[in-house]
Amino acid sequence: MSHTAGIRGNGTRESQKLKTRQALLDAALGLLAEQSLSSLGLREVTRAAGITPTAFYRHFGSVPALGVALVEQTLGSLHGMIGAVLAGTGDSEVRLDRSVELIRRHVREQPAHFRFIAREQHGGVGPVREAIAAQLRLFAEEVAAALAAESGSEGWSEEDLLMLGGLYVDHMVITASALLDAGPADDERVARTAGRRLRLIALGALHWLDEPAQGA
């Protein structure tokens, strides 16, 4: 076999491996519409994906590991986006509206993924719960870093910026859950309310340093 053919063969195998991995993720996500991850069986997933149970272990060490991969797939694409929106140029209210629209668009495009996150954030599978918490901490750090670059952040401590970033992220999680519950017919109202709440957080931030003893 020629070197070129070998490379092509390796590429084909890698492509097939990625397709099988995605098939397992998609199958699990479909099954999770009706149950929690803690009740999901490996054989259920492989049957739905159309592969053998032994093939599962070529991609994931366990069902919880598959759940962690779903967390990374769902939230990974959002990294940097919210921080970039909040740190973008323009009117602060416009930036807040853009951040709400970002969450709204992702929930619309991936409702099953976000239902999974909402259910498992406080669920019974430890590694998945920890993976979600780690992703949200990273979001808070990214938002805090974006806010630190703004001119209005002089005098803010690193701890307080992280606290503010966490408030924004927590609110985005609440907004995503509210959008899921509301459905497409009512998401305009949910988005509008979310934007108003973000403005309330931003207004409080403007006056955070007014009192020197705010931590007392």
N, C-alpha and C. Protein backbone atom coordinates (compact mmCIF):
# COMPACT_ATOMS: atom_id res chain seq x y z
N MET A 1 0.85 -1.20 0.00
CA MET A 1 0.00 0.00 0.00
C MET A 1 0.88 1.25 0.00
N SER A 2 0.55 2.20 -0.83
CA SER A 2 1.35 3.42 -0.93
C SER A 2 1.15 4.29 0.31
N HIS A 3 2.11 5.21 0.50
CA HIS A 3 2.03 6.14 1.63
C HIS A 3 0.76 6.98 1.56
N THR A 4 0.43 7.43 0.34
CA THR A 4 -0.79 8.25 0.16
C THR A 4 -2.04 7.46 0.51
N ALA A 5 -2.07 6.20 0.06
CA ALA A 5 -3.23 5.36 0.35
C ALA A 5 -3.34 5.11 1.85
N GLY A 6 -2.19 4.97 2.50
CA GLY A 6 -2.21 4.75 3.95
C GLY A 6 -2.78 5.95 4.68
N ILE A 7 -2.38 7.13 4.27
CA ILE A 7 -2.90 8.36 4.88
C ILE A 7 -4.40 8.46 4.65
N ARG A 8 -4.83 8.14 3.41
CA ARG A 8 -6.25 8.19 3.11
C ARG A 8 -7.03 7.20 3.97
N GLY A 9 -6.44 6.00 4.15
CA GLY A 9 -7.11 4.99 4.96
C GLY A 9 -7.23 5.41 6.40
N ASN A 10 -6.16 6.02 6.94
CA ASN A 10 -6.20 6.51 8.32
C ASN A 10 -7.25 7.61 8.46
N GLY A 11 -7.32 8.48 7.45
CA GLY A 11 -8.32 9.55 7.50
C GLY A 11 -9.73 9.02 7.47
N THR A 12 -9.95 7.97 6.67
CA THR A 12 -11.28 7.36 6.60
C THR A 12 -11.66 6.73 7.92
N ARG A 13 -10.70 6.02 8.54
CA ARG A 13 -10.97 5.39 9.83
C ARG A 13 -11.27 6.43 10.90
N GLU A 14 -10.50 7.52 10.89
CA GLU A 14 -10.71 8.58 11.87
C GLU A 14 -12.07 9.23 11.67
N SER A 15 -12.44 9.43 10.40
CA SER A 15 -13.75 10.01 10.10
C SER A 15 -14.88 9.11 10.58
N GLN A 16 -14.72 7.80 10.36
CA GLN A 16 -15.74 6.84 10.80
C GLN A 16 -15.82 6.81 12.32
N LYS A 17 -14.67 6.92 12.97
CA LYS A 17 -14.65 6.92 14.43
C LYS A 17 -15.40 8.13 14.99
N LEU A 18 -15.19 9.29 14.38
CA LEU A 18 -15.88 10.50 14.81
C LEU A 18 -17.38 10.39 14.58
N LYS A 19 -17.78 9.77 13.45
CA LYS A 19 -19.20 9.59 13.16
C LYS A 19 -19.86 8.67 14.19
N THR A 20 -19.15 7.59 14.55
CA THR A 20 -19.70 6.66 15.54
C THR A 20 -19.81 7.33 16.90
N ARG A 21 -18.80 8.11 17.25
CA ARG A 21 -18.84 8.83 18.52
C ARG A 21 -20.03 9.78 18.55
N GLN A 22 -20.24 10.52 17.45
CA GLN A 22 -21.36 11.45 17.40
C GLN A 22 -22.69 10.71 17.43
N ALA A 23 -22.73 9.54 16.80
CA ALA A 23 -23.96 8.74 16.82
C ALA A 23 -24.32 8.34 18.25
N LEU A 24 -23.32 8.00 19.05
CA LEU A 24 -23.55 7.66 20.45
C LEU A 24 -24.07 8.87 21.23
N LEU A 25 -23.47 10.03 20.99
CA LEU A 25 -23.92 11.25 21.66
C LEU A 25 -25.36 11.59 21.28
N ASP A 26 -25.66 11.49 19.98
CA ASP A 26 -27.01 11.80 19.51
C ASP A 26 -28.03 10.81 20.07
N ALA A 27 -27.65 9.54 20.11
CA ALA A 27 -28.56 8.52 20.63
C ALA A 27 -28.84 8.76 22.10
N ALA A 28 -27.79 9.06 22.86
CA ALA A 28 -27.97 9.33 24.28
C ALA A 28 -28.86 10.55 24.50
N LEU A 29 -28.63 11.59 23.71
CA LEU A 29 -29.42 12.81 23.85
C LEU A 29 -30.90 12.53 23.57
N GLY A 30 -31.17 11.72 22.57
CA GLY A 30 -32.56 11.37 22.28
C GLY A 30 -33.20 10.61 23.41
N LEU A 31 -32.48 9.68 24.00
CA LEU A 31 -33.01 8.90 25.11
C LEU A 31 -33.19 9.76 26.37
N LEU A 32 -32.33 10.75 26.53
CA LEU A 32 -32.39 11.60 27.72
C LEU A 32 -33.57 12.57 27.69
N ALA A 33 -34.28 12.63 26.59
CA ALA A 33 -35.49 13.45 26.54
C ALA A 33 -36.56 12.89 27.47
N GLU A 34 -36.46 11.59 27.76
CA GLU A 34 -37.48 10.92 28.57
C GLU A 34 -36.97 10.41 29.91
N GLN A 35 -35.68 10.56 30.18
CA GLN A 35 -35.13 10.03 31.44
C GLN A 35 -33.86 10.78 31.81
N SER A 36 -33.38 10.54 33.03
CA SER A 36 -32.15 11.17 33.50
C SER A 36 -30.96 10.30 33.13
N LEU A 37 -29.78 10.88 33.20
CA LEU A 37 -28.58 10.15 32.85
C LEU A 37 -28.34 8.98 33.81
N SER A 38 -28.70 9.16 35.07
CA SER A 38 -28.47 8.11 36.07
C SER A 38 -29.24 6.83 35.76
N SER A 39 -30.32 6.93 35.00
CA SER A 39 -31.12 5.76 34.66
C SER A 39 -30.81 5.22 33.26
N LEU A 40 -29.88 5.87 32.56
CA LEU A 40 -29.58 5.49 31.19
C LEU A 40 -28.60 4.30 31.16
N GLY A 41 -28.95 3.28 30.41
CA GLY A 41 -28.10 2.11 30.31
C GLY A 41 -27.24 2.11 29.07
N LEU A 42 -26.06 1.53 29.19
CA LEU A 42 -25.14 1.47 28.06
C LEU A 42 -25.76 0.75 26.87
N ARG A 43 -26.45 -0.36 27.13
CA ARG A 43 -27.05 -1.12 26.04
C ARG A 43 -28.17 -0.35 25.35
N GLU A 44 -28.88 0.47 26.11
CA GLU A 44 -29.90 1.34 25.50
C GLU A 44 -29.26 2.26 24.47
N VAL A 45 -28.15 2.86 24.87
CA VAL A 45 -27.47 3.83 24.01
C VAL A 45 -26.93 3.16 22.75
N THR A 46 -26.26 2.01 22.93
CA THR A 46 -25.66 1.34 21.77
C THR A 46 -26.74 0.80 20.83
N ARG A 47 -27.83 0.34 21.40
CA ARG A 47 -28.94 -0.13 20.56
C ARG A 47 -29.49 1.02 19.71
N ALA A 48 -29.69 2.17 20.35
CA ALA A 48 -30.22 3.33 19.63
C ALA A 48 -29.24 3.84 18.59
N ALA A 49 -27.93 3.70 18.87
CA ALA A 49 -26.91 4.17 17.93
C ALA A 49 -26.61 3.16 16.84
N GLY A 50 -27.08 1.91 17.04
CA GLY A 50 -26.85 0.89 16.04
C GLY A 50 -25.45 0.31 16.06
N ILE A 51 -24.82 0.25 17.23
CA ILE A 51 -23.50 -0.36 17.35
C ILE A 51 -23.52 -1.39 18.47
N THR A 52 -22.47 -2.18 18.56
CA THR A 52 -22.40 -3.20 19.61
C THR A 52 -21.95 -2.58 20.93
N PRO A 53 -22.36 -3.17 22.06
CA PRO A 53 -21.93 -2.63 23.36
C PRO A 53 -20.42 -2.56 23.52
N THR A 54 -19.70 -3.54 22.98
CA THR A 54 -18.24 -3.50 23.12
C THR A 54 -17.62 -2.32 22.37
N ALA A 55 -18.26 -1.89 21.29
CA ALA A 55 -17.74 -0.76 20.51
C ALA A 55 -17.86 0.55 21.29
N PHE A 56 -18.78 0.59 22.24
CA PHE A 56 -18.97 1.80 23.05
C PHE A 56 -17.67 2.21 23.71
N TYR A 57 -16.93 1.22 24.22
CA TYR A 57 -15.74 1.52 25.01
C TYR A 57 -14.56 2.01 24.18
N ARG A 58 -14.69 1.98 22.87
CA ARG A 58 -13.66 2.59 22.04
C ARG A 58 -13.78 4.12 22.04
N HIS A 59 -14.91 4.60 22.54
CA HIS A 59 -15.20 6.03 22.52
C HIS A 59 -15.37 6.64 23.90
N PHE A 60 -15.97 5.90 24.81
CA PHE A 60 -16.23 6.41 26.16
C PHE A 60 -15.97 5.30 27.19
N GLY A 61 -15.42 5.71 28.33
CA GLY A 61 -15.14 4.72 29.35
C GLY A 61 -16.36 4.29 30.14
N SER A 62 -17.41 5.10 30.09
CA SER A 62 -18.62 4.82 30.86
C SER A 62 -19.74 5.73 30.37
N VAL A 63 -20.95 5.48 30.83
CA VAL A 63 -22.07 6.36 30.50
C VAL A 63 -21.86 7.77 31.09
N PRO A 64 -21.39 7.88 32.35
CA PRO A 64 -21.08 9.23 32.85
C PRO A 64 -20.05 9.98 31.99
N ALA A 65 -19.06 9.26 31.46
CA ALA A 65 -18.07 9.91 30.58
C ALA A 65 -18.74 10.43 29.32
N LEU A 66 -19.71 9.69 28.81
CA LEU A 66 -20.49 10.16 27.67
C LEU A 66 -21.26 11.43 28.05
N GLY A 67 -21.80 11.45 29.27
CA GLY A 67 -22.51 12.63 29.75
C GLY A 67 -21.61 13.85 29.83
N VAL A 68 -20.38 13.65 30.29
CA VAL A 68 -19.41 14.75 30.34
C VAL A 68 -19.14 15.28 28.94
N ALA A 69 -19.02 14.38 27.97
CA ALA A 69 -18.81 14.80 26.59
C ALA A 69 -19.99 15.63 26.07
N LEU A 70 -21.20 15.26 26.47
CA LEU A 70 -22.38 16.04 26.08
C LEU A 70 -22.33 17.44 26.69
N VAL A 71 -21.87 17.54 27.92
CA VAL A 71 -21.73 18.85 28.57
C VAL A 71 -20.75 19.71 27.77
N GLU A 72 -19.61 19.13 27.41
CA GLU A 72 -18.59 19.87 26.67
C GLU A 72 -19.10 20.27 25.29
N GLN A 73 -19.86 19.39 24.65
CA GLN A 73 -20.40 19.70 23.33
C GLN A 73 -21.42 20.84 23.42
N THR A 74 -22.24 20.82 24.46
CA THR A 74 -23.30 21.82 24.60
C THR A 74 -22.75 23.19 24.96
N LEU A 75 -21.86 23.25 25.94
CA LEU A 75 -21.40 24.53 26.45
C LEU A 75 -20.10 25.01 25.82
N GLY A 76 -19.34 24.09 25.23
CA GLY A 76 -18.04 24.47 24.69
C GLY A 76 -18.11 25.54 23.61
N SER A 77 -19.14 25.47 22.77
CA SER A 77 -19.24 26.43 21.68
C SER A 77 -19.53 27.85 22.14
N LEU A 78 -19.98 27.98 23.39
CA LEU A 78 -20.33 29.31 23.90
C LEU A 78 -19.13 30.04 24.50
N HIS A 79 -18.03 29.31 24.72
CA HIS A 79 -16.88 29.94 25.38
C HIS A 79 -16.36 31.11 24.56
N GLY A 80 -16.13 32.18 25.27
CA GLY A 80 -15.62 33.37 24.63
C GLY A 80 -16.68 34.26 24.04
N MET A 81 -17.84 33.67 23.66
CA MET A 81 -18.87 34.45 22.98
C MET A 81 -19.52 35.47 23.91
N ILE A 82 -19.93 35.01 25.10
CA ILE A 82 -20.61 35.93 26.02
C ILE A 82 -19.66 37.02 26.48
N GLY A 83 -18.44 36.63 26.84
CA GLY A 83 -17.46 37.62 27.24
C GLY A 83 -17.17 38.62 26.14
N ALA A 84 -17.09 38.13 24.92
CA ALA A 84 -16.82 39.02 23.78
C ALA A 84 -17.97 40.00 23.56
N VAL A 85 -19.20 39.52 23.73
CA VAL A 85 -20.36 40.39 23.57
C VAL A 85 -20.37 41.46 24.65
N LEU A 86 -20.14 41.06 25.90
CA LEU A 86 -20.18 42.02 27.00
C LEU A 86 -19.05 43.04 26.91
N ALA A 87 -17.92 42.61 26.34
CA ALA A 87 -16.77 43.51 26.24
C ALA A 87 -16.74 44.26 24.91
N GLY A 88 -17.74 44.03 24.07
CA GLY A 88 -17.75 44.67 22.76
C GLY A 88 -18.00 46.16 22.84
N THR A 89 -17.74 46.82 21.74
CA THR A 89 -17.95 48.26 21.69
C THR A 89 -19.44 48.56 21.54
N GLY A 90 -19.80 49.77 21.92
CA GLY A 90 -21.19 50.18 21.78
C GLY A 90 -21.89 50.39 23.11
N ASP A 91 -23.13 50.75 23.04
CA ASP A 91 -23.95 51.01 24.21
C ASP A 91 -24.06 49.77 25.08
N SER A 92 -23.98 49.95 26.40
CA SER A 92 -24.00 48.81 27.32
C SER A 92 -25.31 48.04 27.24
N GLU A 93 -26.43 48.75 27.04
CA GLU A 93 -27.72 48.07 26.94
C GLU A 93 -27.78 47.21 25.68
N VAL A 94 -27.18 47.69 24.61
CA VAL A 94 -27.14 46.91 23.38
C VAL A 94 -26.34 45.64 23.60
N ARG A 95 -25.23 45.75 24.31
CA ARG A 95 -24.40 44.58 24.58
C ARG A 95 -25.15 43.55 25.43
N LEU A 96 -25.89 44.03 26.41
CA LEU A 96 -26.66 43.12 27.24
C LEU A 96 -27.74 42.42 26.42
N ASP A 97 -28.40 43.17 25.55
CA ASP A 97 -29.41 42.57 24.68
C ASP A 97 -28.79 41.51 23.76
N ARG A 98 -27.58 41.79 23.28
CA ARG A 98 -26.90 40.83 22.41
C ARG A 98 -26.58 39.54 23.17
N SER A 99 -26.20 39.67 24.43
CA SER A 99 -25.89 38.47 25.21
C SER A 99 -27.13 37.62 25.43
N VAL A 100 -28.27 38.27 25.67
CA VAL A 100 -29.53 37.52 25.80
C VAL A 100 -29.88 36.85 24.49
N GLU A 101 -29.72 37.56 23.39
CA GLU A 101 -30.03 36.99 22.08
C GLU A 101 -29.13 35.82 21.75
N LEU A 102 -27.88 35.88 22.21
CA LEU A 102 -26.96 34.76 22.01
C LEU A 102 -27.48 33.49 22.67
N ILE A 103 -27.89 33.61 23.93
CA ILE A 103 -28.44 32.46 24.65
C ILE A 103 -29.74 32.00 24.00
N ARG A 104 -30.57 32.96 23.62
CA ARG A 104 -31.85 32.63 22.99
C ARG A 104 -31.64 31.82 21.71
N ARG A 105 -30.69 32.24 20.91
CA ARG A 105 -30.43 31.54 19.65
C ARG A 105 -29.93 30.12 19.89
N HIS A 106 -29.02 29.97 20.85
CA HIS A 106 -28.48 28.63 21.12
C HIS A 106 -29.55 27.70 21.70
N VAL A 107 -30.42 28.23 22.55
CA VAL A 107 -31.49 27.39 23.10
C VAL A 107 -32.45 26.98 21.99
N ARG A 108 -32.74 27.89 21.08
CA ARG A 108 -33.61 27.56 19.95
C ARG A 108 -33.01 26.45 19.08
N GLU A 109 -31.69 26.56 18.84
CA GLU A 109 -31.01 25.63 17.95
C GLU A 109 -30.74 24.27 18.60
N GLN A 110 -30.58 24.26 19.92
CA GLN A 110 -30.21 23.02 20.62
C GLN A 110 -31.05 22.80 21.88
N PRO A 111 -32.36 22.75 21.75
CA PRO A 111 -33.19 22.62 22.96
C PRO A 111 -32.91 21.34 23.74
N ALA A 112 -32.67 20.23 23.05
CA ALA A 112 -32.42 18.97 23.76
C ALA A 112 -31.13 19.05 24.57
N HIS A 113 -30.11 19.69 24.02
CA HIS A 113 -28.85 19.84 24.74
C HIS A 113 -29.05 20.66 26.02
N PHE A 114 -29.79 21.75 25.91
CA PHE A 114 -29.96 22.62 27.07
C PHE A 114 -30.91 22.01 28.10
N ARG A 115 -31.86 21.20 27.66
CA ARG A 115 -32.69 20.48 28.63
C ARG A 115 -31.84 19.49 29.42
N PHE A 116 -30.92 18.87 28.74
CA PHE A 116 -30.00 17.95 29.41
C PHE A 116 -29.20 18.70 30.48
N ILE A 117 -28.64 19.86 30.14
CA ILE A 117 -27.87 20.65 31.10
C ILE A 117 -28.74 21.07 32.28
N ALA A 118 -29.94 21.56 31.99
CA ALA A 118 -30.84 22.02 33.06
C ALA A 118 -31.19 20.89 34.01
N ARG A 119 -31.39 19.69 33.47
CA ARG A 119 -31.77 18.55 34.31
C ARG A 119 -30.59 18.03 35.12
N GLU A 120 -29.42 17.99 34.49
CA GLU A 120 -28.28 17.34 35.12
C GLU A 120 -27.43 18.27 35.98
N GLN A 121 -27.68 19.58 35.92
CA GLN A 121 -26.87 20.52 36.69
C GLN A 121 -26.90 20.20 38.18
N HIS A 122 -28.04 19.76 38.66
CA HIS A 122 -28.17 19.39 40.07
C HIS A 122 -28.62 17.93 40.20
N GLY A 123 -28.27 17.13 39.20
CA GLY A 123 -28.70 15.74 39.17
C GLY A 123 -27.81 14.81 39.99
N GLY A 124 -27.97 13.52 39.74
CA GLY A 124 -27.33 12.55 40.59
C GLY A 124 -26.03 11.97 40.08
N VAL A 125 -25.57 12.36 38.89
CA VAL A 125 -24.33 11.81 38.34
C VAL A 125 -23.20 12.80 38.61
N GLY A 126 -22.33 12.45 39.56
CA GLY A 126 -21.31 13.37 40.03
C GLY A 126 -20.40 13.94 38.96
N PRO A 127 -19.79 13.12 38.11
CA PRO A 127 -18.87 13.67 37.10
C PRO A 127 -19.53 14.66 36.15
N VAL A 128 -20.79 14.43 35.82
CA VAL A 128 -21.51 15.33 34.92
C VAL A 128 -21.84 16.64 35.64
N ARG A 129 -22.30 16.52 36.87
CA ARG A 129 -22.59 17.71 37.67
C ARG A 129 -21.32 18.56 37.84
N GLU A 130 -20.20 17.90 38.08
CA GLU A 130 -18.93 18.62 38.25
C GLU A 130 -18.47 19.25 36.93
N ALA A 131 -18.72 18.56 35.82
CA ALA A 131 -18.34 19.11 34.52
C ALA A 131 -19.13 20.37 34.20
N ILE A 132 -20.42 20.36 34.52
CA ILE A 132 -21.24 21.56 34.30
C ILE A 132 -20.74 22.70 35.17
N ALA A 133 -20.48 22.42 36.45
CA ALA A 133 -19.99 23.46 37.35
C ALA A 133 -18.66 24.03 36.87
N ALA A 134 -17.78 23.16 36.36
CA ALA A 134 -16.48 23.62 35.86
C ALA A 134 -16.64 24.52 34.64
N GLN A 135 -17.56 24.16 33.75
CA GLN A 135 -17.81 24.99 32.56
C GLN A 135 -18.36 26.36 32.97
N LEU A 136 -19.27 26.38 33.94
CA LEU A 136 -19.86 27.65 34.37
C LEU A 136 -18.82 28.52 35.07
N ARG A 137 -17.91 27.90 35.84
CA ARG A 137 -16.82 28.67 36.46
C ARG A 137 -15.94 29.29 35.39
N LEU A 138 -15.66 28.53 34.34
CA LEU A 138 -14.84 29.05 33.26
C LEU A 138 -15.53 30.21 32.54
N PHE A 139 -16.85 30.08 32.35
CA PHE A 139 -17.61 31.20 31.77
C PHE A 139 -17.47 32.45 32.64
N ALA A 140 -17.62 32.28 33.95
CA ALA A 140 -17.53 33.42 34.87
C ALA A 140 -16.15 34.07 34.78
N GLU A 141 -15.11 33.25 34.67
CA GLU A 141 -13.75 33.78 34.55
C GLU A 141 -13.57 34.55 33.24
N GLU A 142 -14.15 34.02 32.16
CA GLU A 142 -14.03 34.69 30.86
C GLU A 142 -14.77 36.03 30.86
N VAL A 143 -15.95 36.05 31.47
CA VAL A 143 -16.71 37.30 31.54
C VAL A 143 -15.98 38.29 32.43
N ALA A 144 -15.43 37.82 33.56
CA ALA A 144 -14.70 38.70 34.46
C ALA A 144 -13.49 39.32 33.75
N ALA A 145 -12.79 38.52 32.94
CA ALA A 145 -11.64 39.03 32.20
C ALA A 145 -12.08 40.08 31.18
N ALA A 146 -13.22 39.86 30.54
CA ALA A 146 -13.73 40.83 29.58
C ALA A 146 -14.12 42.12 30.28
N LEU A 147 -14.75 42.01 31.44
CA LEU A 147 -15.16 43.20 32.19
C LEU A 147 -13.95 43.96 32.72
N ALA A 148 -12.90 43.23 33.09
CA ALA A 148 -11.69 43.88 33.63
C ALA A 148 -11.04 44.80 32.60
N ALA A 149 -11.26 44.50 31.32
CA ALA A 149 -10.66 45.32 30.26
C ALA A 149 -11.44 46.60 30.00
N GLU A 150 -12.62 46.75 30.61
CA GLU A 150 -13.43 47.94 30.38
C GLU A 150 -12.95 49.09 31.25
N SER A 151 -13.17 50.30 30.77
CA SER A 151 -12.71 51.49 31.50
C SER A 151 -13.43 51.67 32.83
N GLY A 152 -14.64 51.15 32.95
CA GLY A 152 -15.40 51.32 34.19
C GLY A 152 -15.02 50.36 35.30
N SER A 153 -13.99 49.54 35.07
CA SER A 153 -13.62 48.53 36.06
C SER A 153 -12.47 48.96 36.96
N GLU A 154 -12.02 50.21 36.83
CA GLU A 154 -10.96 50.67 37.71
C GLU A 154 -11.42 50.59 39.17
N GLY A 155 -10.54 50.09 40.00
CA GLY A 155 -10.87 50.00 41.42
C GLY A 155 -11.51 48.68 41.82
N TRP A 156 -11.92 47.88 40.84
CA TRP A 156 -12.54 46.58 41.15
C TRP A 156 -11.44 45.56 41.44
N SER A 157 -11.66 44.77 42.47
CA SER A 157 -10.72 43.69 42.77
C SER A 157 -11.00 42.51 41.85
N GLU A 158 -10.02 41.63 41.72
CA GLU A 158 -10.19 40.43 40.90
C GLU A 158 -11.34 39.58 41.44
N GLU A 159 -11.44 39.52 42.76
CA GLU A 159 -12.51 38.73 43.39
C GLU A 159 -13.89 39.29 43.05
N ASP A 160 -14.00 40.61 43.10
CA ASP A 160 -15.30 41.23 42.82
C ASP A 160 -15.67 41.11 41.34
N LEU A 161 -14.69 41.21 40.46
CA LEU A 161 -14.97 41.03 39.04
C LEU A 161 -15.44 39.61 38.76
N LEU A 162 -14.84 38.65 39.44
CA LEU A 162 -15.27 37.26 39.27
C LEU A 162 -16.68 37.07 39.81
N MET A 163 -16.99 37.75 40.91
CA MET A 163 -18.34 37.70 41.46
C MET A 163 -19.34 38.26 40.46
N LEU A 164 -19.01 39.39 39.84
CA LEU A 164 -19.90 40.00 38.85
C LEU A 164 -20.05 39.10 37.63
N GLY A 165 -18.93 38.53 37.17
CA GLY A 165 -19.00 37.60 36.06
C GLY A 165 -19.90 36.42 36.39
N GLY A 166 -19.81 35.93 37.62
CA GLY A 166 -20.67 34.83 38.05
C GLY A 166 -22.14 35.20 38.06
N LEU A 167 -22.44 36.45 38.44
CA LEU A 167 -23.83 36.90 38.42
C LEU A 167 -24.39 36.89 37.00
N TYR A 168 -23.60 37.38 36.05
CA TYR A 168 -24.04 37.36 34.66
C TYR A 168 -24.26 35.93 34.17
N VAL A 169 -23.33 35.05 34.48
CA VAL A 169 -23.44 33.66 34.02
C VAL A 169 -24.63 32.97 34.68
N ASP A 170 -24.79 33.16 35.98
CA ASP A 170 -25.94 32.55 36.67
C ASP A 170 -27.25 33.01 36.04
N HIS A 171 -27.30 34.29 35.69
CA HIS A 171 -28.52 34.80 35.07
C HIS A 171 -28.74 34.19 33.69
N MET A 172 -27.67 33.96 32.95
CA MET A 172 -27.80 33.34 31.64
C MET A 172 -28.32 31.91 31.75
N VAL A 173 -27.89 31.19 32.78
CA VAL A 173 -28.38 29.84 33.01
C VAL A 173 -29.87 29.87 33.33
N ILE A 174 -30.28 30.80 34.17
CA ILE A 174 -31.70 30.96 34.51
C ILE A 174 -32.50 31.31 33.26
N THR A 175 -31.95 32.19 32.42
CA THR A 175 -32.62 32.59 31.20
C THR A 175 -32.81 31.40 30.26
N ALA A 176 -31.77 30.58 30.12
CA ALA A 176 -31.87 29.40 29.26
C ALA A 176 -32.98 28.47 29.74
N SER A 177 -33.06 28.25 31.05
CA SER A 177 -34.11 27.39 31.61
C SER A 177 -35.49 27.99 31.37
N ALA A 178 -35.59 29.31 31.54
CA ALA A 178 -36.88 29.98 31.33
C ALA A 178 -37.31 29.89 29.87
N LEU A 179 -36.36 30.01 28.96
CA LEU A 179 -36.68 29.91 27.53
C LEU A 179 -37.16 28.50 27.18
N LEU A 180 -36.55 27.49 27.79
CA LEU A 180 -36.99 26.12 27.55
C LEU A 180 -38.41 25.90 28.03
N ASP A 181 -38.73 26.44 29.20
CA ASP A 181 -40.07 26.28 29.76
C ASP A 181 -41.11 27.06 28.99
N ALA A 182 -40.71 28.24 28.48
CA ALA A 182 -41.66 29.10 27.79
C ALA A 182 -41.99 28.58 26.40
N GLY A 183 -41.02 28.06 25.71
CA GLY A 183 -41.25 27.62 24.34
C GLY A 183 -41.19 28.79 23.37
N PRO A 184 -41.20 28.53 22.08
CA PRO A 184 -41.05 29.57 21.06
C PRO A 184 -42.13 30.65 21.12
N ALA A 185 -43.34 30.29 21.54
CA ALA A 185 -44.45 31.25 21.52
C ALA A 185 -44.26 32.38 22.51
N ASP A 186 -43.49 32.14 23.57
CA ASP A 186 -43.40 33.14 24.64
C ASP A 186 -41.97 33.58 24.89
N ASP A 187 -41.04 33.23 24.00
CA ASP A 187 -39.64 33.52 24.32
C ASP A 187 -39.30 35.00 24.18
N GLU A 188 -40.11 35.76 23.45
CA GLU A 188 -39.88 37.20 23.36
C GLU A 188 -40.04 37.86 24.72
N ARG A 189 -41.09 37.46 25.44
CA ARG A 189 -41.32 38.01 26.78
C ARG A 189 -40.18 37.60 27.73
N VAL A 190 -39.78 36.34 27.65
CA VAL A 190 -38.70 35.87 28.51
C VAL A 190 -37.41 36.63 28.23
N ALA A 191 -37.11 36.85 26.95
CA ALA A 191 -35.89 37.57 26.57
C ALA A 191 -35.94 39.01 27.05
N ARG A 192 -37.10 39.62 26.94
CA ARG A 192 -37.24 41.01 27.38
C ARG A 192 -37.02 41.12 28.89
N THR A 193 -37.60 40.20 29.64
CA THR A 193 -37.43 40.20 31.09
C THR A 193 -35.97 39.94 31.46
N ALA A 194 -35.33 39.02 30.74
CA ALA A 194 -33.93 38.72 30.99
C ALA A 194 -33.05 39.94 30.78
N GLY A 195 -33.33 40.68 29.72
CA GLY A 195 -32.56 41.89 29.44
C GLY A 195 -32.72 42.92 30.54
N ARG A 196 -33.93 43.07 31.06
CA ARG A 196 -34.19 44.04 32.14
C ARG A 196 -33.44 43.62 33.41
N ARG A 197 -33.42 42.34 33.69
CA ARG A 197 -32.71 41.86 34.87
C ARG A 197 -31.20 42.07 34.75
N LEU A 198 -30.68 41.87 33.54
CA LEU A 198 -29.26 42.12 33.33
C LEU A 198 -28.93 43.60 33.52
N ARG A 199 -29.83 44.48 33.09
CA ARG A 199 -29.62 45.91 33.29
C ARG A 199 -29.61 46.26 34.78
N LEU A 200 -30.43 45.55 35.55
CA LEU A 200 -30.46 45.77 36.99
C LEU A 200 -29.11 45.38 37.61
N ILE A 201 -28.54 44.27 37.16
CA ILE A 201 -27.22 43.86 37.63
C ILE A 201 -26.18 44.91 37.24
N ALA A 202 -26.25 45.38 35.99
CA ALA A 202 -25.29 46.37 35.51
C ALA A 202 -25.41 47.68 36.28
N LEU A 203 -26.65 48.07 36.61
CA LEU A 203 -26.86 49.29 37.38
C LEU A 203 -26.26 49.17 38.77
N GLY A 204 -26.46 48.03 39.40
CA GLY A 204 -25.85 47.80 40.71
C GLY A 204 -24.34 47.84 40.64
N ALA A 205 -23.78 47.30 39.55
CA ALA A 205 -22.32 47.29 39.39
C ALA A 205 -21.76 48.71 39.31
N LEU A 206 -22.51 49.61 38.70
CA LEU A 206 -22.05 50.99 38.57
C LEU A 206 -21.84 51.65 39.93
N HIS A 207 -22.61 51.20 40.93
CA HIS A 207 -22.56 51.82 42.25
C HIS A 207 -21.87 50.94 43.30
N TRP A 208 -21.24 49.87 42.84
CA TRP A 208 -20.65 48.93 43.78
C TRP A 208 -19.55 49.56 44.61
N LEU A 209 -18.79 50.48 44.01
CA LEU A 209 -17.67 51.11 44.73
C LEU A 209 -18.07 52.39 45.43
N ASP A 210 -19.36 52.73 45.44
CA ASP A 210 -19.80 53.97 46.08
C ASP A 210 -19.54 53.94 47.58
N GLU A 211 -19.73 52.75 48.19
CA GLU A 211 -19.54 52.62 49.64
C GLU A 211 -18.21 51.92 49.89
N PRO A 212 -17.24 52.63 50.54
CA PRO A 212 -15.93 52.02 50.79
C PRO A 212 -16.01 50.75 51.63
N ALA A 213 -17.02 50.64 52.46
CA ALA A 213 -17.11 49.50 53.37
C ALA A 213 -18.15 48.51 52.93
N GLN A 214 -18.27 48.33 51.60
CA GLN A 214 -19.32 47.48 51.11
C GLN A 214 -19.16 46.03 51.57
N GLY A 215 -17.95 45.62 51.92
CA GLY A 215 -17.77 44.23 52.36
C GLY A 215 -17.95 44.06 53.85
N ALA A 216 -18.21 45.16 54.59
CA ALA A 216 -18.35 45.07 56.04
C ALA A 216 -19.66 44.46 56.42
